[in-house]
Amino acid sequence: MIHCAVCNREALGFGFCLALRFDLYPHHHFCSTRCLELGAAIATETNGMIDKTAREIQALKDARRPFAEALTELGLMPVFHDRKAEDIEQLIEAVVTGYVDSMLRQANVPERTGTFNDPIPF
């Protein structure tokens, strides 16, 4: 699956390459025209590149410690101990993206079936 360069959702066929020079600049994929317009503006200002924001970089750094604590609790730290920070951040991004994508898909589905079979709480 290809991800949107702006919001990291699944890209849906929108793309941008600065000056259409695929030999010089990266090709970015987007999920919507809204992200395409934003990404194209960013890429135009930054010579074709779209990098993580300072907040995204800090969030990934901040997430490393709880990730390491969870790995330790599960006895998985030896497998990940010698991995580079970039590898750990890639795992964190994959989990967060999957979680957010699922929540967005579920937002259009009612949680209840419409019947009230729950026991009365009083």
PDB file of N, CA and C in Angstrom:
ATOM      1  N   MET A   1       0.844  -1.175   0.000  1.00  0.00           N
ATOM      2  CA  MET A   1       0.000   0.000   0.000  1.00  0.00           C
ATOM      3  C   MET A   1       0.891   1.240   0.000  1.00  0.00           C
ATOM      4  N   ILE A   2       0.556   2.193  -0.826  1.00  0.00           N
ATOM      5  CA  ILE A   2       1.281   3.457  -0.897  1.00  0.00           C
ATOM      6  C   ILE A   2       0.571   4.454   0.010  1.00  0.00           C
ATOM      7  N   HIS A   3       1.358   5.218   0.771  1.00  0.00           N
ATOM      8  CA  HIS A   3       0.786   6.154   1.732  1.00  0.00           C
ATOM      9  C   HIS A   3       0.866   7.590   1.245  1.00  0.00           C
ATOM     10  N   CYS A   4      -0.099   8.380   1.677  1.00  0.00           N
ATOM     11  CA  CYS A   4      -0.145   9.807   1.380  1.00  0.00           C
ATOM     12  C   CYS A   4       1.060  10.491   2.020  1.00  0.00           C
ATOM     13  N   ALA A   5       1.724  11.342   1.272  1.00  0.00           N
ATOM     14  CA  ALA A   5       2.921  12.035   1.755  1.00  0.00           C
ATOM     15  C   ALA A   5       2.594  13.081   2.813  1.00  0.00           C
ATOM     16  N   VAL A   6       1.327  13.471   2.943  1.00  0.00           N
ATOM     17  CA  VAL A   6       0.955  14.495   3.916  1.00  0.00           C
ATOM     18  C   VAL A   6       0.378  13.877   5.183  1.00  0.00           C
ATOM     19  N   CYS A   7      -0.651  13.040   5.036  1.00  0.00           N
ATOM     20  CA  CYS A   7      -1.350  12.533   6.224  1.00  0.00           C
ATOM     21  C   CYS A   7      -1.077  11.065   6.509  1.00  0.00           C
ATOM     22  N   ASN A   8      -0.381  10.387   5.617  1.00  0.00           N
ATOM     23  CA  ASN A   8       0.016   8.986   5.782  1.00  0.00           C
ATOM     24  C   ASN A   8      -1.140   7.997   5.646  1.00  0.00           C
ATOM     25  N   ARG A   9      -2.303   8.449   5.185  1.00  0.00           N
ATOM     26  CA  ARG A   9      -3.384   7.519   4.866  1.00  0.00           C
ATOM     27  C   ARG A   9      -3.047   6.845   3.544  1.00  0.00           C
ATOM     28  N   GLU A  10      -3.889   5.911   3.124  1.00  0.00           N
ATOM     29  CA  GLU A  10      -3.659   5.241   1.853  1.00  0.00           C
ATOM     30  C   GLU A  10      -3.792   6.240   0.702  1.00  0.00           C
ATOM     31  N   ALA A  11      -2.791   6.265  -0.167  1.00  0.00           N
ATOM     32  CA  ALA A  11      -2.822   7.170  -1.323  1.00  0.00           C
ATOM     33  C   ALA A  11      -3.840   6.639  -2.338  1.00  0.00           C
ATOM     34  N   LEU A  12      -4.568   7.560  -2.954  1.00  0.00           N
ATOM     35  CA  LEU A  12      -5.658   7.164  -3.856  1.00  0.00           C
ATOM     36  C   LEU A  12      -5.481   7.711  -5.264  1.00  0.00           C
ATOM     37  N   GLY A  13      -4.298   7.682  -5.799  1.00  0.00           N
ATOM     38  CA  GLY A  13      -4.102   8.037  -7.198  1.00  0.00           C
ATOM     39  C   GLY A  13      -3.719   9.466  -7.491  1.00  0.00           C
ATOM     40  N   PHE A  14      -3.567  10.292  -6.485  1.00  0.00           N
ATOM     41  CA  PHE A  14      -3.127  11.662  -6.698  1.00  0.00           C
ATOM     42  C   PHE A  14      -1.612  11.683  -6.550  1.00  0.00           C
ATOM     43  N   GLY A  15      -0.931  12.416  -7.429  1.00  0.00           N
ATOM     44  CA  GLY A  15       0.520  12.438  -7.358  1.00  0.00           C
ATOM     45  C   GLY A  15       1.095  13.785  -7.739  1.00  0.00           C
ATOM     46  N   PHE A  16       2.358  13.992  -7.342  1.00  0.00           N
ATOM     47  CA  PHE A  16       3.050  15.242  -7.652  1.00  0.00           C
ATOM     48  C   PHE A  16       4.539  14.975  -7.765  1.00  0.00           C
ATOM     49  N   CYS A  17       5.144  15.533  -8.782  1.00  0.00           N
ATOM     50  CA  CYS A  17       6.595  15.537  -8.944  1.00  0.00           C
ATOM     51  C   CYS A  17       6.961  16.927  -9.432  1.00  0.00           C
ATOM     52  N   LEU A  18       7.838  17.590  -8.714  1.00  0.00           N
ATOM     53  CA  LEU A  18       8.214  18.956  -9.040  1.00  0.00           C
ATOM     54  C   LEU A  18       8.656  19.057 -10.498  1.00  0.00           C
ATOM     55  N   ALA A  19       8.038  19.956 -11.239  1.00  0.00           N
ATOM     56  CA  ALA A  19       8.337  20.236 -12.646  1.00  0.00           C
ATOM     57  C   ALA A  19       8.224  18.987 -13.527  1.00  0.00           C
ATOM     58  N   LEU A  20       7.540  17.970 -13.010  1.00  0.00           N
ATOM     59  CA  LEU A  20       7.412  16.685 -13.727  1.00  0.00           C
ATOM     60  C   LEU A  20       8.776  16.124 -14.123  1.00  0.00           C
ATOM     61  N   ARG A  21       9.783  16.409 -13.317  1.00  0.00           N
ATOM     62  CA  ARG A  21      11.142  15.912 -13.558  1.00  0.00           C
ATOM     63  C   ARG A  21      11.387  14.709 -12.649  1.00  0.00           C
ATOM     64  N   PHE A  22      10.879  13.560 -13.064  1.00  0.00           N
ATOM     65  CA  PHE A  22      10.999  12.341 -12.274  1.00  0.00           C
ATOM     66  C   PHE A  22      12.457  11.898 -12.115  1.00  0.00           C
ATOM     67  N   ASP A  23      13.328  12.369 -13.005  1.00  0.00           N
ATOM     68  CA  ASP A  23      14.743  12.026 -12.918  1.00  0.00           C
ATOM     69  C   ASP A  23      15.483  12.866 -11.871  1.00  0.00           C
ATOM     70  N   LEU A  24      14.887  13.991 -11.469  1.00  0.00           N
ATOM     71  CA  LEU A  24      15.551  14.884 -10.511  1.00  0.00           C
ATOM     72  C   LEU A  24      14.882  14.934  -9.139  1.00  0.00           C
ATOM     73  N   TYR A  25      13.557  14.787  -9.108  1.00  0.00           N
ATOM     74  CA  TYR A  25      12.809  14.992  -7.879  1.00  0.00           C
ATOM     75  C   TYR A  25      11.972  13.763  -7.535  1.00  0.00           C
ATOM     76  N   PRO A  26      11.692  13.574  -6.240  1.00  0.00           N
ATOM     77  CA  PRO A  26      10.856  12.435  -5.843  1.00  0.00           C
ATOM     78  C   PRO A  26       9.405  12.632  -6.280  1.00  0.00           C
ATOM     79  N   HIS A  27       8.735  11.520  -6.507  1.00  0.00           N
ATOM     80  CA  HIS A  27       7.309  11.534  -6.837  1.00  0.00           C
ATOM     81  C   HIS A  27       6.549  11.271  -5.549  1.00  0.00           C
ATOM     82  N   HIS A  28       5.613  12.143  -5.215  1.00  0.00           N
ATOM     83  CA  HIS A  28       4.842  12.010  -3.977  1.00  0.00           C
ATOM     84  C   HIS A  28       3.425  11.567  -4.314  1.00  0.00           C
ATOM     85  N   HIS A  29       2.856  10.735  -3.450  1.00  0.00           N
ATOM     86  CA  HIS A  29       1.497  10.229  -3.615  1.00  0.00           C
ATOM     87  C   HIS A  29       0.607  10.849  -2.542  1.00  0.00           C
ATOM     88  N   PHE A  30      -0.682  11.020  -2.883  1.00  0.00           N
ATOM     89  CA  PHE A  30      -1.615  11.661  -1.960  1.00  0.00           C
ATOM     90  C   PHE A  30      -2.961  10.947  -1.958  1.00  0.00           C
ATOM     91  N   CYS A  31      -3.726  11.150  -0.885  1.00  0.00           N
ATOM     92  CA  CYS A  31      -5.033  10.493  -0.727  1.00  0.00           C
ATOM     93  C   CYS A  31      -6.178  11.336  -1.274  1.00  0.00           C
ATOM     94  N   SER A  32      -5.964  12.625  -1.445  1.00  0.00           N
ATOM     95  CA  SER A  32      -7.063  13.511  -1.853  1.00  0.00           C
ATOM     96  C   SER A  32      -6.493  14.759  -2.525  1.00  0.00           C
ATOM     97  N   THR A  33      -7.384  15.516  -3.143  1.00  0.00           N
ATOM     98  CA  THR A  33      -6.927  16.767  -3.751  1.00  0.00           C
ATOM     99  C   THR A  33      -6.478  17.754  -2.678  1.00  0.00           C
ATOM    100  N   ARG A  34      -7.103  17.687  -1.517  1.00  0.00           N
ATOM    101  CA  ARG A  34      -6.708  18.573  -0.417  1.00  0.00           C
ATOM    102  C   ARG A  34      -5.247  18.322  -0.030  1.00  0.00           C
ATOM    103  N   CYS A  35      -4.885  17.044   0.177  1.00  0.00           N
ATOM    104  CA  CYS A  35      -3.500  16.714   0.519  1.00  0.00           C
ATOM    105  C   CYS A  35      -2.568  16.984  -0.659  1.00  0.00           C
ATOM    106  N   LEU A  36      -3.055  16.752  -1.880  1.00  0.00           N
ATOM    107  CA  LEU A  36      -2.250  17.036  -3.067  1.00  0.00           C
ATOM    108  C   LEU A  36      -1.882  18.509  -3.129  1.00  0.00           C
ATOM    109  N   GLU A  37      -2.851  19.391  -2.933  1.00  0.00           N
ATOM    110  CA  GLU A  37      -2.589  20.823  -2.995  1.00  0.00           C
ATOM    111  C   GLU A  37      -1.608  21.251  -1.899  1.00  0.00           C
ATOM    112  N   LEU A  38      -1.801  20.721  -0.696  1.00  0.00           N
ATOM    113  CA  LEU A  38      -0.902  21.050   0.404  1.00  0.00           C
ATOM    114  C   LEU A  38       0.496  20.492   0.133  1.00  0.00           C
ATOM    115  N   GLY A  39       0.564  19.243  -0.290  1.00  0.00           N
ATOM    116  CA  GLY A  39       1.857  18.613  -0.568  1.00  0.00           C
ATOM    117  C   GLY A  39       2.589  19.280  -1.711  1.00  0.00           C
ATOM    118  N   ALA A  40       1.861  19.659  -2.756  1.00  0.00           N
ATOM    119  CA  ALA A  40       2.486  20.338  -3.895  1.00  0.00           C
ATOM    120  C   ALA A  40       3.062  21.681  -3.456  1.00  0.00           C
ATOM    121  N   ALA A  41       2.348  22.393  -2.595  1.00  0.00           N
ATOM    122  CA  ALA A  41       2.843  23.681  -2.090  1.00  0.00           C
ATOM    123  C   ALA A  41       4.114  23.477  -1.264  1.00  0.00           C
ATOM    124  N   ILE A  42       4.105  22.453  -0.401  1.00  0.00           N
ATOM    125  CA  ILE A  42       5.284  22.174   0.424  1.00  0.00           C
ATOM    126  C   ILE A  42       6.457  21.774  -0.458  1.00  0.00           C
ATOM    127  N   ALA A  43       6.212  20.869  -1.411  1.00  0.00           N
ATOM    128  CA  ALA A  43       7.280  20.390  -2.286  1.00  0.00           C
ATOM    129  C   ALA A  43       7.840  21.526  -3.143  1.00  0.00           C
ATOM    130  N   THR A  44       6.973  22.422  -3.576  1.00  0.00           N
ATOM    131  CA  THR A  44       7.436  23.551  -4.378  1.00  0.00           C
ATOM    132  C   THR A  44       8.356  24.452  -3.564  1.00  0.00           C
ATOM    133  N   GLU A  45       8.002  24.672  -2.292  1.00  0.00           N
ATOM    134  CA  GLU A  45       8.816  25.528  -1.419  1.00  0.00           C
ATOM    135  C   GLU A  45      10.118  24.860  -0.992  1.00  0.00           C
ATOM    136  N   THR A  46      10.140  23.526  -0.966  1.00  0.00           N
ATOM    137  CA  THR A  46      11.301  22.810  -0.427  1.00  0.00           C
ATOM    138  C   THR A  46      12.044  22.010  -1.490  1.00  0.00           C
ATOM    139  N   ASN A  47      11.974  22.478  -2.720  1.00  0.00           N
ATOM    140  CA  ASN A  47      12.710  21.860  -3.825  1.00  0.00           C
ATOM    141  C   ASN A  47      12.351  20.385  -4.022  1.00  0.00           C
ATOM    142  N   GLY A  48      11.069  20.086  -3.933  1.00  0.00           N
ATOM    143  CA  GLY A  48      10.592  18.747  -4.241  1.00  0.00           C
ATOM    144  C   GLY A  48      10.469  17.804  -3.069  1.00  0.00           C
ATOM    145  N   MET A  49      10.968  18.173  -1.907  1.00  0.00           N
ATOM    146  CA  MET A  49      10.972  17.264  -0.768  1.00  0.00           C
ATOM    147  C   MET A  49       9.830  17.569   0.185  1.00  0.00           C
ATOM    148  N   ILE A  50       9.280  16.528   0.785  1.00  0.00           N
ATOM    149  CA  ILE A  50       8.288  16.677   1.850  1.00  0.00           C
ATOM    150  C   ILE A  50       8.812  15.892   3.037  1.00  0.00           C
ATOM    151  N   ASP A  51       9.272  16.601   4.051  1.00  0.00           N
ATOM    152  CA  ASP A  51       9.849  15.951   5.225  1.00  0.00           C
ATOM    153  C   ASP A  51       8.861  15.977   6.375  1.00  0.00           C
ATOM    154  N   LYS A  52       9.170  15.182   7.389  1.00  0.00           N
ATOM    155  CA  LYS A  52       8.352  15.188   8.592  1.00  0.00           C
ATOM    156  C   LYS A  52       8.452  16.558   9.245  1.00  0.00           C
ATOM    157  N   THR A  53       7.361  16.961   9.884  1.00  0.00           N
ATOM    158  CA  THR A  53       7.388  18.218  10.620  1.00  0.00           C
ATOM    159  C   THR A  53       8.175  18.016  11.911  1.00  0.00           C
ATOM    160  N   ALA A  54       8.531  19.110  12.557  1.00  0.00           N
ATOM    161  CA  ALA A  54       9.260  19.033  13.825  1.00  0.00           C
ATOM    162  C   ALA A  54       8.434  18.302  14.875  1.00  0.00           C
ATOM    163  N   ARG A  55       7.126  18.498  14.873  1.00  0.00           N
ATOM    164  CA  ARG A  55       6.257  17.813  15.833  1.00  0.00           C
ATOM    165  C   ARG A  55       6.204  16.311  15.569  1.00  0.00           C
ATOM    166  N   GLU A  56       6.152  15.925  14.302  1.00  0.00           N
ATOM    167  CA  GLU A  56       6.141  14.495  13.970  1.00  0.00           C
ATOM    168  C   GLU A  56       7.448  13.838  14.404  1.00  0.00           C
ATOM    169  N   ILE A  57       8.551  14.512  14.167  1.00  0.00           N
ATOM    170  CA  ILE A  57       9.854  13.978  14.585  1.00  0.00           C
ATOM    171  C   ILE A  57       9.916  13.830  16.093  1.00  0.00           C
ATOM    172  N   GLN A  58       9.443  14.835  16.815  1.00  0.00           N
ATOM    173  CA  GLN A  58       9.454  14.779  18.279  1.00  0.00           C
ATOM    174  C   GLN A  58       8.512  13.697  18.788  1.00  0.00           C
ATOM    175  N   ALA A  59       7.345  13.552  18.173  1.00  0.00           N
ATOM    176  CA  ALA A  59       6.390  12.523  18.590  1.00  0.00           C
ATOM    177  C   ALA A  59       6.988  11.127  18.430  1.00  0.00           C
ATOM    178  N   LEU A  60       7.707  10.903  17.335  1.00  0.00           N
ATOM    179  CA  LEU A  60       8.352   9.604  17.140  1.00  0.00           C
ATOM    180  C   LEU A  60       9.415   9.360  18.208  1.00  0.00           C
ATOM    181  N   LYS A  61      10.195  10.378  18.524  1.00  0.00           N
ATOM    182  CA  LYS A  61      11.207  10.230  19.577  1.00  0.00           C
ATOM    183  C   LYS A  61      10.548   9.942  20.917  1.00  0.00           C
ATOM    184  N   ASP A  62       9.461  10.656  21.211  1.00  0.00           N
ATOM    185  CA  ASP A  62       8.760  10.466  22.484  1.00  0.00           C
ATOM    186  C   ASP A  62       8.116   9.088  22.585  1.00  0.00           C
ATOM    187  N   ALA A  63       7.754   8.506  21.458  1.00  0.00           N
ATOM    188  CA  ALA A  63       7.093   7.197  21.463  1.00  0.00           C
ATOM    189  C   ALA A  63       8.079   6.044  21.648  1.00  0.00           C
ATOM    190  N   ARG A  64       9.361   6.293  21.476  1.00  0.00           N
ATOM    191  CA  ARG A  64      10.344   5.208  21.580  1.00  0.00           C
ATOM    192  C   ARG A  64      10.372   4.579  22.964  1.00  0.00           C
ATOM    193  N   ARG A  65      10.324   5.401  24.026  1.00  0.00           N
ATOM    194  CA  ARG A  65      10.409   4.867  25.391  1.00  0.00           C
ATOM    195  C   ARG A  65       9.214   3.956  25.713  1.00  0.00           C
ATOM    196  N   PRO A  66       7.961   4.381  25.498  1.00  0.00           N
ATOM    197  CA  PRO A  66       6.863   3.452  25.782  1.00  0.00           C
ATOM    198  C   PRO A  66       6.919   2.191  24.911  1.00  0.00           C
ATOM    199  N   PHE A  67       7.418   2.342  23.684  1.00  0.00           N
ATOM    200  CA  PHE A  67       7.574   1.182  22.812  1.00  0.00           C
ATOM    201  C   PHE A  67       8.594   0.216  23.409  1.00  0.00           C
ATOM    202  N   ALA A  68       9.723   0.758  23.877  1.00  0.00           N
ATOM    203  CA  ALA A  68      10.755  -0.076  24.495  1.00  0.00           C
ATOM    204  C   ALA A  68      10.246  -0.740  25.773  1.00  0.00           C
ATOM    205  N   GLU A  69       9.443  -0.014  26.549  1.00  0.00           N
ATOM    206  CA  GLU A  69       8.880  -0.591  27.773  1.00  0.00           C
ATOM    207  C   GLU A  69       7.940  -1.746  27.443  1.00  0.00           C
ATOM    208  N   ALA A  70       7.125  -1.583  26.395  1.00  0.00           N
ATOM    209  CA  ALA A  70       6.224  -2.660  25.988  1.00  0.00           C
ATOM    210  C   ALA A  70       7.014  -3.864  25.484  1.00  0.00           C
ATOM    211  N   LEU A  71       8.067  -3.624  24.715  1.00  0.00           N
ATOM    212  CA  LEU A  71       8.906  -4.724  24.235  1.00  0.00           C
ATOM    213  C   LEU A  71       9.541  -5.476  25.403  1.00  0.00           C
ATOM    214  N   THR A  72       9.994  -4.738  26.403  1.00  0.00           N
ATOM    215  CA  THR A  72      10.617  -5.352  27.579  1.00  0.00           C
ATOM    216  C   THR A  72       9.605  -6.204  28.329  1.00  0.00           C
ATOM    217  N   GLU A  73       8.397  -5.661  28.553  1.00  0.00           N
ATOM    218  CA  GLU A  73       7.351  -6.405  29.263  1.00  0.00           C
ATOM    219  C   GLU A  73       6.986  -7.696  28.539  1.00  0.00           C
ATOM    220  N   LEU A  74       7.026  -7.670  27.211  1.00  0.00           N
ATOM    221  CA  LEU A  74       6.678  -8.843  26.419  1.00  0.00           C
ATOM    222  C   LEU A  74       7.868  -9.775  26.179  1.00  0.00           C
ATOM    223  N   GLY A  75       9.034  -9.401  26.668  1.00  0.00           N
ATOM    224  CA  GLY A  75      10.220 -10.215  26.482  1.00  0.00           C
ATOM    225  C   GLY A  75      10.785 -10.153  25.071  1.00  0.00           C
ATOM    226  N   LEU A  76      10.472  -9.107  24.341  1.00  0.00           N
ATOM    227  CA  LEU A  76      10.913  -8.973  22.952  1.00  0.00           C
ATOM    228  C   LEU A  76      12.087  -8.029  22.762  1.00  0.00           C
ATOM    229  N   MET A  77      12.556  -7.409  23.823  1.00  0.00           N
ATOM    230  CA  MET A  77      13.624  -6.426  23.681  1.00  0.00           C
ATOM    231  C   MET A  77      14.896  -7.003  23.053  1.00  0.00           C
ATOM    232  N   PRO A  78      15.313  -8.244  23.356  1.00  0.00           N
ATOM    233  CA  PRO A  78      16.535  -8.751  22.715  1.00  0.00           C
ATOM    234  C   PRO A  78      16.469  -8.733  21.180  1.00  0.00           C
ATOM    235  N   VAL A  79      15.309  -8.936  20.617  1.00  0.00           N
ATOM    236  CA  VAL A  79      15.158  -8.937  19.161  1.00  0.00           C
ATOM    237  C   VAL A  79      15.358  -7.534  18.591  1.00  0.00           C
ATOM    238  N   PHE A  80      14.950  -6.509  19.338  1.00  0.00           N
ATOM    239  CA  PHE A  80      14.975  -5.135  18.848  1.00  0.00           C
ATOM    240  C   PHE A  80      16.147  -4.315  19.393  1.00  0.00           C
ATOM    241  N   HIS A  81      16.913  -4.865  20.301  1.00  0.00           N
ATOM    242  CA  HIS A  81      17.942  -4.104  21.012  1.00  0.00           C
ATOM    243  C   HIS A  81      18.942  -3.409  20.098  1.00  0.00           C
ATOM    244  N   ASP A  82      19.398  -4.071  19.056  1.00  0.00           N
ATOM    245  CA  ASP A  82      20.427  -3.495  18.190  1.00  0.00           C
ATOM    246  C   ASP A  82      19.865  -2.800  16.949  1.00  0.00           C
ATOM    247  N   ARG A  83      18.593  -2.569  16.904  1.00  0.00           N
ATOM    248  CA  ARG A  83      17.986  -1.899  15.745  1.00  0.00           C
ATOM    249  C   ARG A  83      18.255  -0.413  15.788  1.00  0.00           C
ATOM    250  N   LYS A  84      18.334   0.194  14.595  1.00  0.00           N
ATOM    251  CA  LYS A  84      18.526   1.640  14.486  1.00  0.00           C
ATOM    252  C   LYS A  84      17.233   2.352  14.875  1.00  0.00           C
ATOM    253  N   ALA A  85      17.366   3.598  15.300  1.00  0.00           N
ATOM    254  CA  ALA A  85      16.202   4.405  15.674  1.00  0.00           C
ATOM    255  C   ALA A  85      15.221   4.516  14.506  1.00  0.00           C
ATOM    256  N   GLU A  86      15.735   4.595  13.282  1.00  0.00           N
ATOM    257  CA  GLU A  86      14.867   4.707  12.102  1.00  0.00           C
ATOM    258  C   GLU A  86      13.988   3.474  11.941  1.00  0.00           C
ATOM    259  N   ASP A  87      14.527   2.290  12.273  1.00  0.00           N
ATOM    260  CA  ASP A  87      13.736   1.056  12.183  1.00  0.00           C
ATOM    261  C   ASP A  87      12.604   1.074  13.204  1.00  0.00           C
ATOM    262  N   ILE A  88      12.933   1.494  14.420  1.00  0.00           N
ATOM    263  CA  ILE A  88      11.919   1.565  15.482  1.00  0.00           C
ATOM    264  C   ILE A  88      10.846   2.577  15.106  1.00  0.00           C
ATOM    265  N   GLU A  89      11.269   3.733  14.573  1.00  0.00           N
ATOM    266  CA  GLU A  89      10.301   4.755  14.170  1.00  0.00           C
ATOM    267  C   GLU A  89       9.409   4.262  13.038  1.00  0.00           C
ATOM    268  N   GLN A  90       9.937   3.455  12.140  1.00  0.00           N
ATOM    269  CA  GLN A  90       9.130   2.891  11.060  1.00  0.00           C
ATOM    270  C   GLN A  90       8.040   1.982  11.632  1.00  0.00           C
ATOM    271  N   LEU A  91       8.384   1.188  12.644  1.00  0.00           N
ATOM    272  CA  LEU A  91       7.389   0.331  13.292  1.00  0.00           C
ATOM    273  C   LEU A  91       6.316   1.165  13.990  1.00  0.00           C
ATOM    274  N   ILE A  92       6.756   2.196  14.696  1.00  0.00           N
ATOM    275  CA  ILE A  92       5.807   3.064  15.404  1.00  0.00           C
ATOM    276  C   ILE A  92       4.858   3.717  14.408  1.00  0.00           C
ATOM    277  N   GLU A  93       5.409   4.255  13.307  1.00  0.00           N
ATOM    278  CA  GLU A  93       4.573   4.885  12.284  1.00  0.00           C
ATOM    279  C   GLU A  93       3.570   3.903  11.696  1.00  0.00           C
ATOM    280  N   ALA A  94       3.991   2.667  11.461  1.00  0.00           N
ATOM    281  CA  ALA A  94       3.092   1.662  10.894  1.00  0.00           C
ATOM    282  C   ALA A  94       1.930   1.377  11.837  1.00  0.00           C
ATOM    283  N   VAL A  95       2.226   1.260  13.126  1.00  0.00           N
ATOM    284  CA  VAL A  95       1.176   0.988  14.108  1.00  0.00           C
ATOM    285  C   VAL A  95       0.218   2.169  14.214  1.00  0.00           C
ATOM    286  N   VAL A  96       0.764   3.364  14.320  1.00  0.00           N
ATOM    287  CA  VAL A  96      -0.085   4.555  14.450  1.00  0.00           C
ATOM    288  C   VAL A  96      -0.950   4.735  13.198  1.00  0.00           C
ATOM    289  N   THR A  97      -0.361   4.561  12.033  1.00  0.00           N
ATOM    290  CA  THR A  97      -1.110   4.703  10.785  1.00  0.00           C
ATOM    291  C   THR A  97      -2.221   3.670  10.705  1.00  0.00           C
ATOM    292  N   GLY A  98      -1.917   2.427  11.032  1.00  0.00           N
ATOM    293  CA  GLY A  98      -2.940   1.382  11.014  1.00  0.00           C
ATOM    294  C   GLY A  98      -4.070   1.677  11.980  1.00  0.00           C
ATOM    295  N   TYR A  99      -3.732   2.153  13.164  1.00  0.00           N
ATOM    296  CA  TYR A  99      -4.719   2.496  14.177  1.00  0.00           C
ATOM    297  C   TYR A  99      -5.618   3.640  13.701  1.00  0.00           C
ATOM    298  N   VAL A 100      -4.998   4.709  13.211  1.00  0.00           N
ATOM    299  CA  VAL A 100      -5.761   5.876  12.750  1.00  0.00           C
ATOM    300  C   VAL A 100      -6.638   5.507  11.550  1.00  0.00           C
ATOM    301  N   ASP A 101      -6.092   4.751  10.603  1.00  0.00           N
ATOM    302  CA  ASP A 101      -6.883   4.329   9.444  1.00  0.00           C
ATOM    303  C   ASP A 101      -8.097   3.524   9.866  1.00  0.00           C
ATOM    304  N   SER A 102      -7.915   2.619  10.820  1.00  0.00           N
ATOM    305  CA  SER A 102      -9.031   1.818  11.314  1.00  0.00           C
ATOM    306  C   SER A 102     -10.087   2.696  11.981  1.00  0.00           C
ATOM    307  N   MET A 103      -9.644   3.644  12.792  1.00  0.00           N
ATOM    308  CA  MET A 103     -10.598   4.538  13.456  1.00  0.00           C
ATOM    309  C   MET A 103     -11.371   5.365  12.433  1.00  0.00           C
ATOM    310  N   LEU A 104     -10.702   5.812  11.378  1.00  0.00           N
ATOM    311  CA  LEU A 104     -11.383   6.586  10.349  1.00  0.00           C
ATOM    312  C   LEU A 104     -12.407   5.736   9.600  1.00  0.00           C
ATOM    313  N   ARG A 105     -12.044   4.469   9.301  1.00  0.00           N
ATOM    314  CA  ARG A 105     -13.002   3.572   8.639  1.00  0.00           C
ATOM    315  C   ARG A 105     -14.202   3.314   9.531  1.00  0.00           C
ATOM    316  N   GLN A 106     -13.946   3.132  10.821  1.00  0.00           N
ATOM    317  CA  GLN A 106     -15.013   2.827  11.757  1.00  0.00           C
ATOM    318  C   GLN A 106     -15.915   4.030  12.035  1.00  0.00           C
ATOM    319  N   ALA A 107     -15.429   5.216  11.762  1.00  0.00           N
ATOM    320  CA  ALA A 107     -16.201   6.426  12.051  1.00  0.00           C
ATOM    321  C   ALA A 107     -17.514   6.454  11.279  1.00  0.00           C
ATOM    322  N   ASN A 108     -17.574   5.784  10.152  1.00  0.00           N
ATOM    323  CA  ASN A 108     -18.793   5.765   9.349  1.00  0.00           C
ATOM    324  C   ASN A 108     -19.706   4.595   9.657  1.00  0.00           C
ATOM    325  N   VAL A 109     -19.327   3.759  10.628  1.00  0.00           N
ATOM    326  CA  VAL A 109     -20.123   2.581  10.972  1.00  0.00           C
ATOM    327  C   VAL A 109     -20.641   2.746  12.391  1.00  0.00           C
ATOM    328  N   PRO A 110     -21.952   2.678  12.574  1.00  0.00           N
ATOM    329  CA  PRO A 110     -22.470   2.801  13.936  1.00  0.00           C
ATOM    330  C   PRO A 110     -21.999   1.631  14.796  1.00  0.00           C
ATOM    331  N   GLU A 111     -21.693   1.899  16.067  1.00  0.00           N
ATOM    332  CA  GLU A 111     -21.207   0.850  16.960  1.00  0.00           C
ATOM    333  C   GLU A 111     -22.314  -0.098  17.377  1.00  0.00           C
ATOM    334  N   ARG A 112     -23.499   0.404  17.506  1.00  0.00           N
ATOM    335  CA  ARG A 112     -24.628  -0.434  17.913  1.00  0.00           C
ATOM    336  C   ARG A 112     -25.418  -0.864  16.688  1.00  0.00           C
ATOM    337  N   THR A 113     -26.120  -1.946  16.841  1.00  0.00           N
ATOM    338  CA  THR A 113     -26.926  -2.463  15.741  1.00  0.00           C
ATOM    339  C   THR A 113     -28.253  -1.726  15.628  1.00  0.00           C
ATOM    340  N   GLY A 114     -28.553  -0.898  16.575  1.00  0.00           N
ATOM    341  CA  GLY A 114     -29.815  -0.177  16.563  1.00  0.00           C
ATOM    342  C   GLY A 114     -30.815  -0.774  17.542  1.00  0.00           C
ATOM    343  N   THR A 115     -30.514  -1.942  18.061  1.00  0.00           N
ATOM    344  CA  THR A 115     -31.387  -2.548  19.066  1.00  0.00           C
ATOM    345  C   THR A 115     -30.744  -2.365  20.423  1.00  0.00           C
ATOM    346  N   PHE A 116     -31.548  -2.276  21.421  1.00  0.00           N
ATOM    347  CA  PHE A 116     -31.031  -2.062  22.775  1.00  0.00           C
ATOM    348  C   PHE A 116     -31.243  -3.318  23.594  1.00  0.00           C
ATOM    349  N   ASN A 117     -30.349  -4.283  23.426  1.00  0.00           N
ATOM    350  CA  ASN A 117     -30.424  -5.545  24.167  1.00  0.00           C
ATOM    351  C   ASN A 117     -29.535  -5.537  25.398  1.00  0.00           C
ATOM    352  N   ASP A 118     -28.862  -4.417  25.651  1.00  0.00           N
ATOM    353  CA  ASP A 118     -27.996  -4.348  26.811  1.00  0.00           C
ATOM    354  C   ASP A 118     -28.859  -4.406  28.079  1.00  0.00           C
ATOM    355  N   PRO A 119     -28.318  -5.032  29.125  1.00  0.00           N
ATOM    356  CA  PRO A 119     -29.075  -5.035  30.393  1.00  0.00           C
ATOM    357  C   PRO A 119     -29.162  -3.606  30.943  1.00  0.00           C
ATOM    358  N   ILE A 120     -30.267  -3.320  31.567  1.00  0.00           N
ATOM    359  CA  ILE A 120     -30.456  -1.995  32.165  1.00  0.00           C
ATOM    360  C   ILE A 120     -29.504  -1.884  33.355  1.00  0.00           C
ATOM    361  N   PRO A 121     -28.691  -0.806  33.390  1.00  0.00           N
ATOM    362  CA  PRO A 121     -27.651  -0.712  34.424  1.00  0.00           C
ATOM    363  C   PRO A 121     -28.149  -0.277  35.791  1.00  0.00           C
ATOM    364  N   PHE A 122     -29.430  -0.150  36.009  1.00  0.00           N
ATOM    365  CA  PHE A 122     -29.919   0.287  37.338  1.00  0.00           C
ATOM    366  C   PHE A 122     -31.079  -0.537  37.765  1.00  0.00           C
TER     367      PHE A 122
END
